[in-house]
């Protein structure tokens, strides 16, 4: 893989060198229609979803058929949002957060899959990834705050290992969630979006789509090749320069995710307080870097991996990925 950040190598393209396919952390290169194969057209739709923009692009000879496939992909994303959002009292996560401390709550198979994988990452990372910190996340509310909450309020969650007190009961053909700690609240923000992207990709496959892209904020999964017949060329947005890129990567049938401190945060007294919490301290994770990008076979894996290793030195991050997801690649730390 060519390292586009090497100052002695080729010039790193800016976002202006890419056409405007992509949103959030990624920019994807496309070619003008005149240069693409005439029988292969790029059909694309963007919609607000999951607190960001969902961007689905399909390469196909029949635009109407491609739009039907995009409908199916967006329906999968919407289903994941309905069942796993902590902001909805009627979602699996919302219902669990309301009553699972006192009675078991049935959840759908999709939610069970994501919770099982989230708990696997929690165990393998010694709690660096914890899907049970919703109460601490809500306390920090970095999109609205301008000052940190009282220290006593967030240290209540520090070092608790709350994921160990979440029980998944799969007996009787159903999955039930039960909390054994009153302070548990499920937040799947570091993994569910990646799962949704994977489900959208599977929907496209079920329609016979071989070449496509699904990009939801910092989570992206590509199928096959772009409209020019080459691997998809993905630029990773610079966390410090919105008009620049930190690196580029060519992908085919792979997923990539970025986690960082540059989209949801507030600055106070010389420190950045962002949305990725450190379960060991109950506060935003301190980091010498602003972003981390991970490439994996699935977007759920890439999403969880990027969230988990954000803030870790490269050797520690590489070691954790080797243990938790051997086919992942730490693409970039910025």
C-alpha atoms as a PDB file:
ATOM      1  CA  UNK A   1       0.000   0.000   0.000  1.00  0.00           C
ATOM      2  CA  UNK A   2       1.374   3.394  -1.040  1.00  0.00           C
ATOM      3  CA  UNK A   3       1.966   5.744   1.880  1.00  0.00           C
ATOM      4  CA  UNK A   4       0.565   9.029   0.623  1.00  0.00           C
ATOM      5  CA  UNK A   5       1.849  10.855   3.701  1.00  0.00           C
ATOM      6  CA  UNK A   6       5.498  10.281   2.805  1.00  0.00           C
ATOM      7  CA  UNK A   7       6.976  13.732   2.045  1.00  0.00           C
ATOM      8  CA  UNK A   8       9.396  12.187  -0.431  1.00  0.00           C
ATOM      9  CA  UNK A   9       6.624  10.309  -2.230  1.00  0.00           C
ATOM     10  CA  UNK A  10       3.758  11.503  -4.429  1.00  0.00           C
ATOM     11  CA  UNK A  11       1.832  14.620  -3.461  1.00  0.00           C
ATOM     12  CA  UNK A  12      -1.016  13.869  -1.083  1.00  0.00           C
ATOM     13  CA  UNK A  13      -4.217  14.955  -2.875  1.00  0.00           C
ATOM     14  CA  UNK A  14      -6.472  17.510  -1.273  1.00  0.00           C
ATOM     15  CA  UNK A  15     -10.210  16.999  -0.984  1.00  0.00           C
ATOM     16  CA  UNK A  16     -10.556  19.213  -4.074  1.00  0.00           C
ATOM     17  CA  UNK A  17      -8.754  16.512  -6.061  1.00  0.00           C
ATOM     18  CA  UNK A  18     -11.704  14.225  -5.289  1.00  0.00           C
ATOM     19  CA  UNK A  19     -15.199  14.700  -6.558  1.00  0.00           C
ATOM     20  CA  UNK A  20     -17.785  15.157  -3.837  1.00  0.00           C
ATOM     21  CA  UNK A  21     -18.697  11.552  -3.162  1.00  0.00           C
ATOM     22  CA  UNK A  22     -18.601  10.861   0.535  1.00  0.00           C
ATOM     23  CA  UNK A  23     -19.417  12.589   3.791  1.00  0.00           C
ATOM     24  CA  UNK A  24     -17.903  13.000   7.226  1.00  0.00           C
ATOM     25  CA  UNK A  25     -14.505  11.422   7.751  1.00  0.00           C
ATOM     26  CA  UNK A  26     -14.072  10.126   4.206  1.00  0.00           C
ATOM     27  CA  UNK A  27     -13.964  11.486   0.673  1.00  0.00           C
ATOM     28  CA  UNK A  28     -14.203   9.056  -2.223  1.00  0.00           C
ATOM     29  CA  UNK A  29     -12.715   9.622  -5.656  1.00  0.00           C
ATOM     30  CA  UNK A  30     -15.061   9.345  -8.607  1.00  0.00           C
ATOM     31  CA  UNK A  31     -14.527   9.901 -12.312  1.00  0.00           C
ATOM     32  CA  UNK A  32     -16.598  12.075 -14.652  1.00  0.00           C
ATOM     33  CA  UNK A  33     -19.225  10.153 -16.598  1.00  0.00           C
ATOM     34  CA  UNK A  34     -17.378  10.737 -19.874  1.00  0.00           C
ATOM     35  CA  UNK A  35     -14.380   8.827 -18.521  1.00  0.00           C
ATOM     36  CA  UNK A  36     -16.361   5.961 -16.995  1.00  0.00           C
ATOM     37  CA  UNK A  37     -17.603   2.955 -18.877  1.00  0.00           C
ATOM     38  CA  UNK A  38     -20.813   4.019 -20.602  1.00  0.00           C
ATOM     39  CA  UNK A  39     -22.677   0.912 -19.441  1.00  0.00           C
ATOM     40  CA  UNK A  40     -21.695   1.567 -15.815  1.00  0.00           C
ATOM     41  CA  UNK A  41     -23.300   4.508 -14.102  1.00  0.00           C
ATOM     42  CA  UNK A  42     -22.857   5.727 -10.556  1.00  0.00           C
ATOM     43  CA  UNK A  43     -26.232   6.152  -8.861  1.00  0.00           C
ATOM     44  CA  UNK A  44     -26.076   7.844  -5.488  1.00  0.00           C
ATOM     45  CA  UNK A  45     -28.318   9.063  -2.685  1.00  0.00           C
ATOM     46  CA  UNK A  46     -27.607  10.924   0.561  1.00  0.00           C
ATOM     47  CA  UNK A  47     -30.048  11.087   3.491  1.00  0.00           C
ATOM     48  CA  UNK A  48     -29.773  12.241   7.128  1.00  0.00           C
ATOM     49  CA  UNK A  49     -29.530   9.194   9.368  1.00  0.00           C
ATOM     50  CA  UNK A  50     -27.865   8.014  12.586  1.00  0.00           C
ATOM     51  CA  UNK A  51     -26.970  11.564  13.546  1.00  0.00           C
ATOM     52  CA  UNK A  52     -24.975  12.099  10.352  1.00  0.00           C
ATOM     53  CA  UNK A  53     -25.340  11.650   6.584  1.00  0.00           C
ATOM     54  CA  UNK A  54     -25.843   8.204   5.061  1.00  0.00           C
ATOM     55  CA  UNK A  55     -24.334   8.065   1.574  1.00  0.00           C
ATOM     56  CA  UNK A  56     -25.116   5.065  -0.654  1.00  0.00           C
ATOM     57  CA  UNK A  57     -23.639   4.771  -4.145  1.00  0.00           C
ATOM     58  CA  UNK A  58     -24.269   1.929  -6.594  1.00  0.00           C
ATOM     59  CA  UNK A  59     -22.562   1.228  -9.905  1.00  0.00           C
ATOM     60  CA  UNK A  60     -25.083  -0.300 -12.299  1.00  0.00           C
ATOM     61  CA  UNK A  61     -26.295  -0.081 -15.888  1.00  0.00           C
ATOM     62  CA  UNK A  62     -29.936   0.447 -14.841  1.00  0.00           C
ATOM     63  CA  UNK A  63     -30.456   3.573 -12.684  1.00  0.00           C
ATOM     64  CA  UNK A  64     -34.010   2.559 -11.692  1.00  0.00           C
ATOM     65  CA  UNK A  65     -32.849  -0.842 -10.488  1.00  0.00           C
ATOM     66  CA  UNK A  66     -29.972   0.821  -8.633  1.00  0.00           C
ATOM     67  CA  UNK A  67     -32.441   3.124  -6.853  1.00  0.00           C
ATOM     68  CA  UNK A  68     -34.419   0.077  -5.695  1.00  0.00           C
ATOM     69  CA  UNK A  69     -31.252  -1.450  -4.265  1.00  0.00           C
ATOM     70  CA  UNK A  70     -30.447   1.829  -2.516  1.00  0.00           C
ATOM     71  CA  UNK A  71     -33.950   1.826  -0.999  1.00  0.00           C
ATOM     72  CA  UNK A  72     -33.235  -1.635   0.448  1.00  0.00           C
ATOM     73  CA  UNK A  73     -29.869  -0.528   1.849  1.00  0.00           C
ATOM     74  CA  UNK A  74     -31.348   2.562   3.493  1.00  0.00           C
ATOM     75  CA  UNK A  75     -34.138   0.456   4.989  1.00  0.00           C
ATOM     76  CA  UNK A  76     -31.531  -1.686   6.750  1.00  0.00           C
ATOM     77  CA  UNK A  77     -29.807   1.401   8.135  1.00  0.00           C
ATOM     78  CA  UNK A  78     -33.147   2.754   9.339  1.00  0.00           C
ATOM     79  CA  UNK A  79     -33.955  -0.554  11.037  1.00  0.00           C
ATOM     80  CA  UNK A  80     -30.673  -0.517  12.950  1.00  0.00           C
ATOM     81  CA  UNK A  81     -31.322   3.071  14.003  1.00  0.00           C
ATOM     82  CA  UNK A  82     -34.852   2.191  15.214  1.00  0.00           C
ATOM     83  CA  UNK A  83     -33.731  -0.806  17.235  1.00  0.00           C
ATOM     84  CA  UNK A  84     -30.370   0.343  18.636  1.00  0.00           C
ATOM     85  CA  UNK A  85     -30.611   4.094  19.242  1.00  0.00           C
ATOM     86  CA  UNK A  86     -30.329   5.095  22.893  1.00  0.00           C
ATOM     87  CA  UNK A  87     -32.342   8.217  22.092  1.00  0.00           C
ATOM     88  CA  UNK A  88     -35.547   6.248  21.457  1.00  0.00           C
ATOM     89  CA  UNK A  89     -37.504   4.786  24.380  1.00  0.00           C
ATOM     90  CA  UNK A  90     -39.123   2.265  21.998  1.00  0.00           C
ATOM     91  CA  UNK A  91     -35.822   0.857  20.664  1.00  0.00           C
ATOM     92  CA  UNK A  92     -34.287  -2.319  22.069  1.00  0.00           C
ATOM     93  CA  UNK A  93     -31.620  -0.192  23.717  1.00  0.00           C
ATOM     94  CA  UNK A  94     -34.096   2.386  24.995  1.00  0.00           C
ATOM     95  CA  UNK A  95     -36.382  -0.262  26.510  1.00  0.00           C
ATOM     96  CA  UNK A  96     -33.438  -2.022  28.141  1.00  0.00           C
ATOM     97  CA  UNK A  97     -32.126   1.212  29.621  1.00  0.00           C
ATOM     98  CA  UNK A  98     -35.536   1.928  31.126  1.00  0.00           C
ATOM     99  CA  UNK A  99     -36.294  -1.406  32.819  1.00  0.00           C
ATOM    100  CA  UNK A 100     -33.507  -4.024  32.442  1.00  0.00           C
ATOM    101  CA  UNK A 101     -32.160  -3.224  35.900  1.00  0.00           C
ATOM    102  CA  UNK A 102     -35.351  -4.690  37.344  1.00  0.00           C
ATOM    103  CA  UNK A 103     -36.637  -7.166  34.730  1.00  0.00           C
ATOM    104  CA  UNK A 104     -35.307  -8.946  31.609  1.00  0.00           C
ATOM    105  CA  UNK A 105     -35.988  -7.207  28.288  1.00  0.00           C
ATOM    106  CA  UNK A 106     -36.369  -9.076  24.980  1.00  0.00           C
ATOM    107  CA  UNK A 107     -34.226  -7.722  22.152  1.00  0.00           C
ATOM    108  CA  UNK A 108     -34.110  -8.482  18.436  1.00  0.00           C
ATOM    109  CA  UNK A 109     -31.533 -10.770  16.876  1.00  0.00           C
ATOM    110  CA  UNK A 110     -29.643  -7.831  15.361  1.00  0.00           C
ATOM    111  CA  UNK A 111     -29.276  -6.141  18.724  1.00  0.00           C
ATOM    112  CA  UNK A 112     -28.174  -9.438  20.246  1.00  0.00           C
ATOM    113  CA  UNK A 113     -25.464  -9.792  17.575  1.00  0.00           C
ATOM    114  CA  UNK A 114     -24.145  -6.292  18.215  1.00  0.00           C
ATOM    115  CA  UNK A 115     -24.244  -6.636  22.004  1.00  0.00           C
ATOM    116  CA  UNK A 116     -22.412  -9.963  21.811  1.00  0.00           C
ATOM    117  CA  UNK A 117     -19.672  -8.443  19.670  1.00  0.00           C
ATOM    118  CA  UNK A 118     -19.503  -5.344  21.878  1.00  0.00           C
ATOM    119  CA  UNK A 119     -19.006  -7.502  24.973  1.00  0.00           C
ATOM    120  CA  UNK A 120     -16.313  -9.485  23.141  1.00  0.00           C
ATOM    121  CA  UNK A 121     -14.392  -6.271  22.464  1.00  0.00           C
ATOM    122  CA  UNK A 122     -14.912  -5.189  26.072  1.00  0.00           C
ATOM    123  CA  UNK A 123     -13.449  -8.437  27.381  1.00  0.00           C
ATOM    124  CA  UNK A 124     -10.492  -8.538  24.965  1.00  0.00           C
ATOM    125  CA  UNK A 125      -9.621  -4.890  25.582  1.00  0.00           C
ATOM    126  CA  UNK A 126      -9.819  -5.210  29.386  1.00  0.00           C
ATOM    127  CA  UNK A 127     -12.697  -2.760  29.383  1.00  0.00           C
ATOM    128  CA  UNK A 128     -11.175  -0.118  27.075  1.00  0.00           C
ATOM    129  CA  UNK A 129     -14.351  -0.592  25.030  1.00  0.00           C
ATOM    130  CA  UNK A 130     -17.451  -0.586  27.210  1.00  0.00           C
ATOM    131  CA  UNK A 131     -20.970  -0.502  25.705  1.00  0.00           C
ATOM    132  CA  UNK A 132     -22.530   0.142  29.128  1.00  0.00           C
ATOM    133  CA  UNK A 133     -21.533   3.773  29.712  1.00  0.00           C
ATOM    134  CA  UNK A 134     -24.647   5.462  28.362  1.00  0.00           C
ATOM    135  CA  UNK A 135     -25.229   7.335  31.613  1.00  0.00           C
ATOM    136  CA  UNK A 136     -21.711   8.776  31.548  1.00  0.00           C
ATOM    137  CA  UNK A 137     -22.049   9.650  27.843  1.00  0.00           C
ATOM    138  CA  UNK A 138     -25.315  11.469  28.555  1.00  0.00           C
ATOM    139  CA  UNK A 139     -23.677  13.269  31.475  1.00  0.00           C
ATOM    140  CA  UNK A 140     -20.872  14.609  29.299  1.00  0.00           C
ATOM    141  CA  UNK A 141     -23.183  15.521  26.369  1.00  0.00           C
ATOM    142  CA  UNK A 142     -20.283  17.159  24.554  1.00  0.00           C
ATOM    143  CA  UNK A 143     -22.525  18.474  21.786  1.00  0.00           C
ATOM    144  CA  UNK A 144     -24.233  20.825  24.246  1.00  0.00           C
ATOM    145  CA  UNK A 145     -21.740  21.401  27.072  1.00  0.00           C
ATOM    146  CA  UNK A 146     -19.114  24.115  27.277  1.00  0.00           C
ATOM    147  CA  UNK A 147     -17.721  23.067  30.671  1.00  0.00           C
ATOM    148  CA  UNK A 148     -17.067  19.617  32.157  1.00  0.00           C
ATOM    149  CA  UNK A 149     -19.574  18.154  34.630  1.00  0.00           C
ATOM    150  CA  UNK A 150     -18.549  17.940  38.307  1.00  0.00           C
ATOM    151  CA  UNK A 151     -15.734  15.443  38.825  1.00  0.00           C
ATOM    152  CA  UNK A 152     -17.707  13.454  41.381  1.00  0.00           C
ATOM    153  CA  UNK A 153     -20.481  12.945  38.835  1.00  0.00           C
ATOM    154  CA  UNK A 154     -18.336  11.260  36.170  1.00  0.00           C
ATOM    155  CA  UNK A 155     -15.845   9.437  38.391  1.00  0.00           C
ATOM    156  CA  UNK A 156     -18.870   7.469  39.626  1.00  0.00           C
ATOM    157  CA  UNK A 157     -18.457   5.437  36.407  1.00  0.00           C
ATOM    158  CA  UNK A 158     -14.666   5.213  36.401  1.00  0.00           C
ATOM    159  CA  UNK A 159     -13.066   1.769  36.408  1.00  0.00           C
ATOM    160  CA  UNK A 160     -16.366   0.011  37.093  1.00  0.00           C
ATOM    161  CA  UNK A 161     -16.172  -2.519  34.264  1.00  0.00           C
ATOM    162  CA  UNK A 162     -19.917  -2.170  33.871  1.00  0.00           C
ATOM    163  CA  UNK A 163     -19.965  -4.438  30.816  1.00  0.00           C
ATOM    164  CA  UNK A 164     -19.385  -7.372  33.170  1.00  0.00           C
ATOM    165  CA  UNK A 165     -22.752  -6.692  34.810  1.00  0.00           C
ATOM    166  CA  UNK A 166     -24.735  -6.945  31.576  1.00  0.00           C
ATOM    167  CA  UNK A 167     -26.287 -10.388  31.078  1.00  0.00           C
ATOM    168  CA  UNK A 168     -27.427 -11.759  27.721  1.00  0.00           C
ATOM    169  CA  UNK A 169     -29.789 -14.692  28.211  1.00  0.00           C
ATOM    170  CA  UNK A 170     -30.290 -16.680  24.987  1.00  0.00           C
ATOM    171  CA  UNK A 171     -32.417 -19.473  26.434  1.00  0.00           C
ATOM    172  CA  UNK A 172     -35.798 -20.393  24.997  1.00  0.00           C
ATOM    173  CA  UNK A 173     -35.104 -19.127  21.490  1.00  0.00           C
ATOM    174  CA  UNK A 174     -35.084 -15.470  22.565  1.00  0.00           C
ATOM    175  CA  UNK A 175     -32.404 -13.057  23.707  1.00  0.00           C
ATOM    176  CA  UNK A 176     -33.054 -11.135  26.905  1.00  0.00           C
ATOM    177  CA  UNK A 177     -30.994  -8.374  28.463  1.00  0.00           C
ATOM    178  CA  UNK A 178     -30.667  -7.970  32.214  1.00  0.00           C
ATOM    179  CA  UNK A 179     -28.608  -5.418  34.153  1.00  0.00           C
ATOM    180  CA  UNK A 180     -26.964  -6.456  37.410  1.00  0.00           C
ATOM    181  CA  UNK A 181     -25.839  -2.890  38.184  1.00  0.00           C
ATOM    182  CA  UNK A 182     -28.236   0.029  38.455  1.00  0.00           C
ATOM    183  CA  UNK A 183     -25.722   2.403  36.797  1.00  0.00           C
ATOM    184  CA  UNK A 184     -25.631   0.482  33.502  1.00  0.00           C
ATOM    185  CA  UNK A 185     -26.964   2.135  30.380  1.00  0.00           C
ATOM    186  CA  UNK A 186     -26.349   0.647  26.936  1.00  0.00           C
ATOM    187  CA  UNK A 187     -24.729   2.891  24.346  1.00  0.00           C
ATOM    188  CA  UNK A 188     -23.827   1.156  21.064  1.00  0.00           C
ATOM    189  CA  UNK A 189     -22.506   4.312  19.426  1.00  0.00           C
ATOM    190  CA  UNK A 190     -19.063   2.778  18.912  1.00  0.00           C
ATOM    191  CA  UNK A 191     -20.259  -0.306  17.039  1.00  0.00           C
ATOM    192  CA  UNK A 192     -23.898  -0.226  15.868  1.00  0.00           C
ATOM    193  CA  UNK A 193     -23.313   2.190  13.007  1.00  0.00           C
ATOM    194  CA  UNK A 194     -20.714  -0.157  11.572  1.00  0.00           C
ATOM    195  CA  UNK A 195     -23.166  -3.041  11.867  1.00  0.00           C
ATOM    196  CA  UNK A 196     -25.781  -0.964  10.076  1.00  0.00           C
ATOM    197  CA  UNK A 197     -23.366  -0.273   7.229  1.00  0.00           C
ATOM    198  CA  UNK A 198     -22.682  -4.003   6.927  1.00  0.00           C
ATOM    199  CA  UNK A 199     -26.421  -4.745   6.854  1.00  0.00           C
ATOM    200  CA  UNK A 200     -26.863  -2.152   4.114  1.00  0.00           C
ATOM    201  CA  UNK A 201     -24.082  -3.815   2.109  1.00  0.00           C
ATOM    202  CA  UNK A 202     -25.766  -7.196   2.543  1.00  0.00           C
ATOM    203  CA  UNK A 203     -29.011  -5.697   1.242  1.00  0.00           C
ATOM    204  CA  UNK A 204     -27.185  -4.494  -1.864  1.00  0.00           C
ATOM    205  CA  UNK A 205     -25.697  -7.956  -2.346  1.00  0.00           C
ATOM    206  CA  UNK A 206     -29.170  -9.489  -2.087  1.00  0.00           C
ATOM    207  CA  UNK A 207     -30.176  -7.298  -5.035  1.00  0.00           C
ATOM    208  CA  UNK A 208     -27.272  -8.660  -7.053  1.00  0.00           C
ATOM    209  CA  UNK A 209     -25.203  -5.496  -6.722  1.00  0.00           C
ATOM    210  CA  UNK A 210     -21.488  -6.203  -7.096  1.00  0.00           C
ATOM    211  CA  UNK A 211     -20.034  -2.678  -7.038  1.00  0.00           C
ATOM    212  CA  UNK A 212     -21.182  -0.156  -4.450  1.00  0.00           C
ATOM    213  CA  UNK A 213     -20.283   1.974  -1.460  1.00  0.00           C
ATOM    214  CA  UNK A 214     -22.051   2.707   1.829  1.00  0.00           C
ATOM    215  CA  UNK A 215     -20.646   5.571   3.894  1.00  0.00           C
ATOM    216  CA  UNK A 216     -22.229   6.706   7.176  1.00  0.00           C
ATOM    217  CA  UNK A 217     -20.092   9.402   8.761  1.00  0.00           C
ATOM    218  CA  UNK A 218     -16.874   7.713   9.845  1.00  0.00           C
ATOM    219  CA  UNK A 219     -17.914   4.190   8.769  1.00  0.00           C
ATOM    220  CA  UNK A 220     -17.537   3.033   5.167  1.00  0.00           C
ATOM    221  CA  UNK A 221     -17.818  -0.316   3.365  1.00  0.00           C
ATOM    222  CA  UNK A 222     -17.176  -0.857  -0.330  1.00  0.00           C
ATOM    223  CA  UNK A 223     -18.209  -3.648  -2.673  1.00  0.00           C
ATOM    224  CA  UNK A 224     -16.210  -4.516  -5.764  1.00  0.00           C
ATOM    225  CA  UNK A 225     -14.870  -1.628  -7.804  1.00  0.00           C
ATOM    226  CA  UNK A 226     -15.817   1.934  -8.685  1.00  0.00           C
ATOM    227  CA  UNK A 227     -17.429   3.039 -11.931  1.00  0.00           C
ATOM    228  CA  UNK A 228     -14.076   3.265 -13.722  1.00  0.00           C
ATOM    229  CA  UNK A 229     -13.367  -0.405 -12.967  1.00  0.00           C
ATOM    230  CA  UNK A 230     -10.628   0.257 -10.419  1.00  0.00           C
ATOM    231  CA  UNK A 231     -10.602  -0.167  -6.649  1.00  0.00           C
ATOM    232  CA  UNK A 232     -12.423   2.552  -4.745  1.00  0.00           C
ATOM    233  CA  UNK A 233     -10.042   5.356  -3.779  1.00  0.00           C
ATOM    234  CA  UNK A 234     -10.891   6.647  -0.305  1.00  0.00           C
ATOM    235  CA  UNK A 235      -9.362   9.782   1.176  1.00  0.00           C
ATOM    236  CA  UNK A 236      -9.260  10.141   4.961  1.00  0.00           C
ATOM    237  CA  UNK A 237     -10.145  13.642   6.072  1.00  0.00           C
ATOM    238  CA  UNK A 238      -7.557  15.583   8.037  1.00  0.00           C
ATOM    239  CA  UNK A 239      -8.744  16.228  11.612  1.00  0.00           C
ATOM    240  CA  UNK A 240      -6.974  19.588  11.660  1.00  0.00           C
ATOM    241  CA  UNK A 241      -7.527  20.811   8.095  1.00  0.00           C
ATOM    242  CA  UNK A 242     -11.076  20.262   6.750  1.00  0.00           C
ATOM    243  CA  UNK A 243      -9.911  20.914   3.160  1.00  0.00           C
ATOM    244  CA  UNK A 244      -7.062  18.377   3.368  1.00  0.00           C
ATOM    245  CA  UNK A 245      -6.532  14.644   3.583  1.00  0.00           C
ATOM    246  CA  UNK A 246      -4.171  12.730   5.818  1.00  0.00           C
ATOM    247  CA  UNK A 247      -3.906   9.630   3.651  1.00  0.00           C
ATOM    248  CA  UNK A 248      -5.628   7.696   0.888  1.00  0.00           C
ATOM    249  CA  UNK A 249      -6.319   3.999   0.500  1.00  0.00           C
ATOM    250  CA  UNK A 250      -7.622   1.831  -2.340  1.00  0.00           C
ATOM    251  CA  UNK A 251     -10.266  -0.646  -1.231  1.00  0.00           C
ATOM    252  CA  UNK A 252     -12.172  -3.554  -2.730  1.00  0.00           C
ATOM    253  CA  UNK A 253     -14.660  -5.537  -0.617  1.00  0.00           C
ATOM    254  CA  UNK A 254     -13.318  -3.992   2.589  1.00  0.00           C
ATOM    255  CA  UNK A 255     -14.472  -1.634   5.314  1.00  0.00           C
ATOM    256  CA  UNK A 256     -12.809   1.331   6.968  1.00  0.00           C
ATOM    257  CA  UNK A 257     -13.709   3.376  10.059  1.00  0.00           C
ATOM    258  CA  UNK A 258     -12.281   6.476  11.684  1.00  0.00           C
ATOM    259  CA  UNK A 259     -12.669   7.633  15.287  1.00  0.00           C
ATOM    260  CA  UNK A 260     -11.488  11.031  16.420  1.00  0.00           C
ATOM    261  CA  UNK A 261     -11.921  14.044  18.650  1.00  0.00           C
ATOM    262  CA  UNK A 262     -12.657  16.627  15.963  1.00  0.00           C
ATOM    263  CA  UNK A 263     -16.388  16.397  15.245  1.00  0.00           C
ATOM    264  CA  UNK A 264     -18.138  16.327  18.635  1.00  0.00           C
ATOM    265  CA  UNK A 265     -16.219  18.212  21.304  1.00  0.00           C
ATOM    266  CA  UNK A 266     -15.727  21.377  23.290  1.00  0.00           C
ATOM    267  CA  UNK A 267     -12.460  22.995  24.342  1.00  0.00           C
ATOM    268  CA  UNK A 268     -11.885  24.231  27.888  1.00  0.00           C
ATOM    269  CA  UNK A 269      -8.732  25.416  29.659  1.00  0.00           C
ATOM    270  CA  UNK A 270      -6.462  24.143  26.923  1.00  0.00           C
ATOM    271  CA  UNK A 271      -7.976  20.658  26.756  1.00  0.00           C
ATOM    272  CA  UNK A 272     -10.332  19.089  24.245  1.00  0.00           C
ATOM    273  CA  UNK A 273     -13.316  17.220  25.691  1.00  0.00           C
ATOM    274  CA  UNK A 274     -14.724  14.906  23.022  1.00  0.00           C
ATOM    275  CA  UNK A 275     -17.316  12.126  22.797  1.00  0.00           C
ATOM    276  CA  UNK A 276     -15.071   9.044  23.168  1.00  0.00           C
ATOM    277  CA  UNK A 277     -15.023   8.248  26.872  1.00  0.00           C
ATOM    278  CA  UNK A 278     -12.325   6.350  28.718  1.00  0.00           C
ATOM    279  CA  UNK A 279     -14.027   3.705  30.893  1.00  0.00           C
ATOM    280  CA  UNK A 280     -11.046   3.797  33.263  1.00  0.00           C
ATOM    281  CA  UNK A 281     -11.611   7.460  34.154  1.00  0.00           C
ATOM    282  CA  UNK A 282     -15.215   8.205  33.192  1.00  0.00           C
ATOM    283  CA  UNK A 283     -14.085  11.219  31.156  1.00  0.00           C
ATOM    284  CA  UNK A 284     -13.051  11.789  27.516  1.00  0.00           C
ATOM    285  CA  UNK A 285     -10.001   9.728  26.620  1.00  0.00           C
ATOM    286  CA  UNK A 286      -6.746  11.664  26.618  1.00  0.00           C
ATOM    287  CA  UNK A 287      -4.850  11.231  23.378  1.00  0.00           C
ATOM    288  CA  UNK A 288      -1.750  12.529  21.642  1.00  0.00           C
ATOM    289  CA  UNK A 289      -3.567  11.955  18.342  1.00  0.00           C
ATOM    290  CA  UNK A 290      -6.745  13.429  16.921  1.00  0.00           C
ATOM    291  CA  UNK A 291      -7.915  10.434  14.893  1.00  0.00           C
ATOM    292  CA  UNK A 292      -7.329   6.767  14.143  1.00  0.00           C
ATOM    293  CA  UNK A 293      -8.343   4.884  10.998  1.00  0.00           C
ATOM    294  CA  UNK A 294      -8.759   1.110  10.810  1.00  0.00           C
ATOM    295  CA  UNK A 295      -9.389  -1.151   7.796  1.00  0.00           C
ATOM    296  CA  UNK A 296     -11.176  -4.481   8.342  1.00  0.00           C
ATOM    297  CA  UNK A 297     -13.288  -7.143   6.666  1.00  0.00           C
ATOM    298  CA  UNK A 298     -16.499  -5.755   8.156  1.00  0.00           C
ATOM    299  CA  UNK A 299     -17.531  -2.278   9.175  1.00  0.00           C
ATOM    300  CA  UNK A 300     -18.724  -3.460  12.583  1.00  0.00           C
ATOM    301  CA  UNK A 301     -15.194  -4.691  13.283  1.00  0.00           C
ATOM    302  CA  UNK A 302     -13.592  -1.521  11.934  1.00  0.00           C
ATOM    303  CA  UNK A 303     -15.985   0.665  13.966  1.00  0.00           C
ATOM    304  CA  UNK A 304     -15.356  -1.150  17.263  1.00  0.00           C
ATOM    305  CA  UNK A 305     -11.615  -1.348  16.604  1.00  0.00           C
ATOM    306  CA  UNK A 306     -11.226   2.353  15.864  1.00  0.00           C
ATOM    307  CA  UNK A 307     -13.229   3.312  18.955  1.00  0.00           C
ATOM    308  CA  UNK A 308     -11.246   0.934  21.156  1.00  0.00           C
ATOM    309  CA  UNK A 309      -7.728   1.910  20.097  1.00  0.00           C
ATOM    310  CA  UNK A 310      -8.295   5.667  19.821  1.00  0.00           C
ATOM    311  CA  UNK A 311      -5.804   7.289  22.171  1.00  0.00           C
ATOM    312  CA  UNK A 312      -3.527   4.236  22.373  1.00  0.00           C
ATOM    313  CA  UNK A 313       0.106   4.393  21.249  1.00  0.00           C
ATOM    314  CA  UNK A 314       0.664   2.556  17.977  1.00  0.00           C
ATOM    315  CA  UNK A 315       2.389  -0.519  19.498  1.00  0.00           C
ATOM    316  CA  UNK A 316      -0.418  -1.044  21.983  1.00  0.00           C
ATOM    317  CA  UNK A 317      -3.076  -0.502  19.325  1.00  0.00           C
ATOM    318  CA  UNK A 318      -1.443  -2.957  16.926  1.00  0.00           C
ATOM    319  CA  UNK A 319      -1.146  -5.581  19.679  1.00  0.00           C
ATOM    320  CA  UNK A 320      -4.806  -5.219  20.646  1.00  0.00           C
ATOM    321  CA  UNK A 321      -5.971  -5.482  17.043  1.00  0.00           C
ATOM    322  CA  UNK A 322      -3.853  -8.587  16.539  1.00  0.00           C
ATOM    323  CA  UNK A 323      -5.636 -10.172  19.508  1.00  0.00           C
ATOM    324  CA  UNK A 324      -9.184  -8.995  18.854  1.00  0.00           C
ATOM    325  CA  UNK A 325      -9.373  -8.865  15.049  1.00  0.00           C
ATOM    326  CA  UNK A 326      -6.349 -10.387  13.275  1.00  0.00           C
ATOM    327  CA  UNK A 327      -7.450  -9.301   9.768  1.00  0.00           C
ATOM    328  CA  UNK A 328      -7.638  -5.606  10.647  1.00  0.00           C
ATOM    329  CA  UNK A 329      -5.055  -3.001   9.713  1.00  0.00           C
ATOM    330  CA  UNK A 330      -4.194   0.151  11.634  1.00  0.00           C
ATOM    331  CA  UNK A 331      -4.083   2.454   8.645  1.00  0.00           C
ATOM    332  CA  UNK A 332      -3.335   5.800  10.176  1.00  0.00           C
ATOM    333  CA  UNK A 333      -2.875   7.733  13.418  1.00  0.00           C
ATOM    334  CA  UNK A 334      -3.046  11.499  13.156  1.00  0.00           C
END
